[in-house]
Protein backbone atom coordinates (compact mmCIF):
# COMPACT_ATOMS: atom_id res chain seq x y z
CA MET A 1 28.15 78.92 26.40
CA ASN A 2 30.44 78.27 29.37
CA PRO A 3 30.73 74.45 29.85
CA LEU A 4 30.51 74.93 33.64
CA LEU A 5 27.16 76.69 33.23
CA LYS A 6 25.81 73.68 31.30
CA SER A 7 26.33 71.52 34.39
CA GLN A 8 24.15 73.80 36.54
CA LYS A 9 20.47 73.15 37.17
CA ILE A 10 18.27 76.09 36.18
CA GLY A 11 14.76 76.50 37.55
CA PHE A 12 12.03 78.79 36.26
CA LEU A 13 9.53 79.94 38.85
CA GLY A 14 6.75 80.72 36.39
CA ALA A 15 6.14 79.44 32.85
CA GLY A 16 4.95 82.51 30.94
CA ASN A 17 6.14 83.93 27.61
CA MET A 18 9.49 85.20 28.86
CA ALA A 19 10.29 81.91 30.59
CA GLN A 20 9.41 80.06 27.38
CA ALA A 21 11.61 82.39 25.31
CA MET A 22 14.52 81.87 27.70
CA ILE A 23 14.10 78.09 27.75
CA LYS A 24 13.98 78.01 23.94
CA GLY A 25 17.09 80.21 23.72
CA LEU A 26 19.00 78.11 26.27
CA ILE A 27 18.24 74.83 24.52
CA GLU A 28 19.06 76.22 21.07
CA GLY A 29 22.31 77.53 22.56
CA GLY A 30 23.29 74.03 23.66
CA PHE A 31 22.07 73.96 27.27
CA PRO A 32 20.81 70.45 28.16
CA ALA A 33 17.02 70.28 28.61
CA LYS A 34 17.51 67.65 31.35
CA ASN A 35 19.03 70.39 33.54
CA ILE A 36 16.07 72.78 33.17
CA PHE A 37 13.21 72.73 35.65
CA ALA A 38 10.02 74.79 35.92
CA SER A 39 7.11 75.30 38.29
CA ASN A 40 3.87 77.14 37.60
CA ARG A 41 0.54 77.81 39.29
CA SER A 42 -1.30 76.39 36.26
CA GLU A 43 -0.32 72.75 35.82
CA GLY A 44 -1.77 72.67 32.31
CA LYS A 45 0.68 75.32 31.07
CA LEU A 46 3.50 73.55 32.92
CA HIS A 47 2.75 70.19 31.27
CA LYS A 48 2.63 71.85 27.84
CA LEU A 49 5.99 73.55 28.46
CA ALA A 50 7.56 70.27 29.63
CA GLU A 51 6.19 68.41 26.61
CA THR A 52 7.36 71.07 24.12
CA PHE A 53 10.93 71.44 25.40
CA LYS A 54 11.44 68.11 27.22
CA ILE A 55 12.29 69.87 30.48
CA ASN A 56 11.42 68.78 34.03
CA PRO A 57 8.08 69.90 35.52
CA VAL A 58 8.18 70.57 39.26
CA PHE A 59 4.97 70.87 41.21
CA SER A 60 6.10 72.97 44.16
CA ASN A 61 8.26 76.06 44.48
CA ASP A 62 10.03 74.48 47.47
CA GLU A 63 11.21 71.59 45.36
CA LEU A 64 12.30 73.92 42.56
CA VAL A 65 14.45 76.06 44.86
CA ASP A 66 15.94 73.01 46.61
CA THR A 67 16.77 71.30 43.30
CA CYS A 68 18.23 74.17 41.28
CA ASP A 69 21.45 76.17 41.40
CA ILE A 70 20.00 79.11 39.44
CA ILE A 71 16.41 80.24 39.96
CA ILE A 72 14.75 82.58 37.45
CA LEU A 73 11.85 84.51 38.99
CA ALA A 74 9.48 84.79 36.01
CA ILE A 75 6.19 85.46 37.81
CA LYS A 76 4.05 88.58 37.38
CA PRO A 77 5.27 91.32 39.78
CA GLN A 78 1.99 91.47 41.72
CA ASP A 79 2.24 87.72 42.49
CA LEU A 80 5.98 87.33 43.01
CA LEU A 81 6.47 88.26 46.66
CA GLN A 82 3.54 86.10 47.74
CA ALA A 83 5.09 83.17 45.88
CA LEU A 84 8.50 83.79 47.45
CA GLU A 85 7.33 84.16 51.05
CA PRO A 86 6.96 80.41 51.79
CA VAL A 87 10.39 79.58 50.32
CA THR A 88 12.42 82.50 51.69
CA ARG A 89 14.47 80.29 54.03
CA SER A 90 15.43 77.93 51.18
CA PHE A 91 17.86 80.42 49.64
CA ASP A 92 21.54 80.65 50.58
CA GLU A 93 24.88 81.90 49.24
CA HIS A 94 25.13 78.91 46.88
CA LYS A 95 22.00 79.95 44.94
CA ILE A 96 21.84 82.46 42.10
CA VAL A 97 18.48 84.23 41.86
CA ILE A 98 17.54 86.26 38.77
CA SER A 99 14.36 88.33 38.78
CA VAL A 100 12.74 89.43 35.52
CA ALA A 101 9.84 91.11 37.36
CA ALA A 102 9.33 94.83 36.76
CA GLY A 103 8.70 97.17 39.67
CA ILE A 104 10.30 95.10 42.46
CA ARG A 105 13.54 96.82 43.38
CA MET A 106 16.69 95.09 44.58
CA GLU A 107 16.32 96.05 48.25
CA LYS A 108 12.91 94.39 48.43
CA LEU A 109 14.09 91.25 46.62
CA GLU A 110 17.02 90.95 49.03
CA ARG A 111 14.59 90.57 51.94
CA TYR A 112 12.94 87.55 50.27
CA VAL A 113 16.03 85.74 48.97
CA GLN A 114 18.38 86.43 51.86
CA GLY A 115 21.96 85.34 51.27
CA ALA A 116 21.53 84.42 47.59
CA ARG A 117 23.54 85.98 44.78
CA LEU A 118 21.02 88.24 43.13
CA ALA A 119 20.45 89.97 39.79
CA ARG A 120 17.57 91.94 38.31
CA VAL A 121 17.13 91.50 34.56
CA MET A 122 14.81 93.41 32.23
CA PRO A 123 14.20 91.83 28.80
CA ASN A 124 11.92 93.51 26.27
CA THR A 125 9.34 92.00 23.91
CA PRO A 126 11.74 91.56 20.93
CA SER A 127 13.62 89.13 23.17
CA LEU A 128 10.97 86.62 22.06
CA ILE A 129 12.63 86.60 18.61
CA GLY A 130 16.21 86.95 19.83
CA ARG A 131 16.43 90.69 19.06
CA GLY A 132 15.88 92.13 22.52
CA VAL A 133 17.74 94.62 24.66
CA ILE A 134 18.32 92.98 28.04
CA GLY A 135 19.54 95.11 30.93
CA TYR A 136 20.80 93.64 34.19
CA LEU A 137 21.73 94.91 37.64
CA LEU A 138 23.67 92.96 40.30
CA ASN A 139 23.15 93.39 44.01
CA ASP A 140 26.93 93.15 44.40
CA ASP A 141 29.13 94.64 41.65
CA ASP A 142 32.10 92.77 43.12
CA ASP A 143 30.44 89.35 42.75
CA SER A 144 33.01 87.76 40.47
CA GLY A 145 31.47 85.60 37.78
CA LEU A 146 27.82 86.53 38.28
CA ASP A 147 27.95 89.07 35.45
CA SER A 148 29.24 86.47 32.97
CA THR A 149 26.62 83.96 34.15
CA VAL A 150 23.81 86.44 33.51
CA GLU A 151 25.25 87.37 30.11
CA ASP A 152 25.60 83.71 29.07
CA LEU A 153 22.01 82.99 30.10
CA PHE A 154 20.43 85.95 28.30
CA GLN A 155 22.70 86.34 25.26
CA PRO A 156 20.43 84.11 23.10
CA LEU A 157 17.63 86.69 23.57
CA GLY A 158 19.54 89.71 22.20
CA ARG A 159 21.97 92.40 23.36
CA VAL A 160 22.85 92.24 27.06
CA ILE A 161 23.81 95.45 28.89
CA GLN A 162 24.94 95.81 32.50
CA VAL A 163 23.65 98.86 34.38
CA HIS A 164 24.98 100.09 37.70
CA ASP A 165 22.03 101.43 39.70
CA GLU A 166 18.25 101.38 39.88
CA ASP A 167 17.90 104.69 38.01
CA GLN A 168 19.77 103.30 35.00
CA PHE A 169 17.76 100.09 35.23
CA GLU A 170 14.53 102.10 35.14
CA ALA A 171 15.74 104.20 32.19
CA LEU A 172 16.58 101.08 30.22
CA MET A 173 13.21 99.54 31.03
CA VAL A 174 11.27 102.64 29.94
CA SER A 175 13.29 103.24 26.76
CA CYS A 176 13.57 99.63 25.59
CA SER A 177 10.64 97.73 27.14
CA SER A 178 7.96 100.43 27.26
CA GLY A 179 9.71 102.01 24.27
CA THR A 180 8.77 99.01 22.12
CA GLY A 181 5.13 99.92 22.74
CA PHE A 182 5.83 103.54 21.82
CA VAL A 183 7.31 102.42 18.50
CA PHE A 184 4.24 100.27 17.81
CA GLU A 185 2.07 103.33 18.46
CA MET A 186 3.96 105.29 15.79
CA MET A 187 3.74 102.35 13.41
CA MET A 188 -0.05 102.34 13.78
CA TYR A 189 -0.20 106.03 12.80
CA TRP A 190 2.08 105.30 9.82
CA GLN A 191 -0.10 102.44 8.63
CA ASP A 192 -3.35 104.40 9.08
CA TRP A 193 -2.05 107.28 6.93
CA ILE A 194 -0.95 104.92 4.16
CA GLU A 195 -4.33 103.14 4.18
CA GLU A 196 -6.07 106.51 3.86
CA HIS A 197 -4.29 106.93 0.51
CA GLY A 198 -5.74 103.84 -1.13
CA PHE A 199 -3.41 101.03 -0.07
CA SER A 200 -4.76 97.79 1.36
CA VAL A 201 -4.22 96.87 5.01
CA GLU A 202 -1.64 94.26 3.98
CA GLU A 203 0.25 96.69 1.73
CA ALA A 204 0.20 99.46 4.35
CA ARG A 205 1.42 97.06 7.04
CA MET A 206 4.28 95.82 4.85
CA MET A 207 5.29 99.36 3.85
CA THR A 208 5.29 100.50 7.50
CA ILE A 209 7.26 97.53 8.80
CA GLU A 210 9.85 97.69 6.03
CA THR A 211 10.35 101.43 6.57
CA PHE A 212 11.08 100.91 10.29
CA VAL A 213 13.19 97.78 9.70
CA GLY A 214 15.12 99.40 6.85
CA ALA A 215 15.86 102.56 8.83
CA SER A 216 16.95 100.51 11.85
CA LEU A 217 19.25 98.24 9.85
CA LEU A 218 20.73 101.21 8.03
CA ALA A 219 21.47 102.88 11.37
CA ALA A 220 22.93 99.63 12.73
CA GLN A 221 25.30 99.17 9.78
CA ALA A 222 26.34 102.79 9.19
CA ARG A 223 29.44 104.31 10.76
CA GLU A 224 27.85 107.72 11.24
CA GLY A 225 25.23 108.64 13.81
CA VAL A 226 21.47 108.83 13.29
CA GLU A 227 21.60 112.63 12.92
CA ASP A 228 24.06 112.30 10.02
CA LEU A 229 21.93 109.62 8.36
CA GLN A 230 18.91 111.88 8.61
CA ALA A 231 20.85 114.73 6.98
CA ARG A 232 21.70 112.44 4.06
CA VAL A 233 18.01 111.88 3.23
CA THR A 234 16.98 115.51 3.78
CA SER A 235 17.34 118.03 0.95
CA LYS A 236 17.19 121.70 1.84
CA LYS A 237 13.61 122.92 1.23
CA GLY A 238 12.68 119.42 0.05
CA VAL A 239 9.81 117.07 0.90
CA THR A 240 11.53 115.42 3.90
CA ALA A 241 12.64 118.79 5.26
CA ALA A 242 9.05 120.07 5.17
CA GLY A 243 7.81 117.07 7.15
CA LEU A 244 10.63 117.29 9.69
CA GLN A 245 10.00 121.00 10.20
CA SER A 246 6.38 120.24 11.02
CA MET A 247 7.38 117.47 13.46
CA ARG A 248 9.67 119.90 15.25
CA GLU A 249 7.06 122.66 15.35
CA LEU A 250 4.62 120.17 16.88
CA GLU A 251 7.29 119.32 19.51
CA ILE A 252 7.35 115.57 18.88
CA GLU A 253 10.53 115.32 20.97
CA ARG A 254 8.77 116.94 23.94
CA ALA A 255 5.79 114.58 23.60
CA LEU A 256 8.11 111.55 23.61
CA ARG A 257 10.09 112.82 26.60
CA ILE A 258 6.85 113.32 28.54
CA SER A 259 5.81 109.77 27.59
CA PHE A 260 9.10 108.41 28.96
CA GLU A 261 8.68 110.36 32.20
CA LYS A 262 5.05 109.25 32.63
CA ALA A 263 6.11 105.62 32.20
CA ALA A 264 8.91 106.09 34.75
CA MET A 265 6.47 107.66 37.23
CA ARG A 266 4.09 104.71 36.81
CA ASN A 267 6.95 102.29 37.42
CA LYS A 268 7.68 104.04 40.73
CA GLU A 269 3.98 103.92 41.65
CA MET A 270 3.86 100.18 40.92
CA ALA A 271 6.90 99.62 43.11
CA ARG A 272 5.11 101.35 46.00
CA GLU A 273 1.89 99.40 45.40
CA ILE A 274 3.57 95.97 45.53
CA LYS A 275 3.55 94.85 49.15
């Protein structure tokens, strides 16, 4: 981690799961807990967070913004703008603001954090175990140094990818954040089928997880693409080929594409609903 970053004060507006994962990752990466601050509507959760990680609890958003150089907006999207409204005038060009809220586009955020250096970041659930895909978008691509700051902050949570417009940001969110839920859906079908053939719940769960983990690690370590890996496990007129033929006849690809598009449409609807 950049030594200069360690001297900055980082404030989390919100103390939910993603804030906790980030705080844990920062501290494990060598960031000093004494330079981390957090505020939260529920003081009980805030006290627990402060006790667990030895960070500084702050009991007003005004104080958090005034105190910190980097402010992470980690509040639920439907509550974020209301929380920002009273502190809008506290932001300036010396502050870095990073939003992890889905559905609130850059142009709307800019109205509430006027003058601040701004980034949108989208982690996914595997970020909680350091295996996430984290996309980020800057409000100014020419802002020298902001990209490396964002990457330093989020690198402990997984792979960090810069995108260049809201459409790419949405595609990353749907494929990697919502996509995690889609993978869990397929895993449930996998496990159900195995259980139907006499295996216990624990055995079926282990077999399902290891199949997905093994395939993913094999793809990650192989030089060839996924299509080539699939060809290696598929014999002509064999068992795997028969199953794949059925999947293609049932248009599994089309069903997944429709799922992606439906999720993207809902994201746009949410953006319009947030006032």
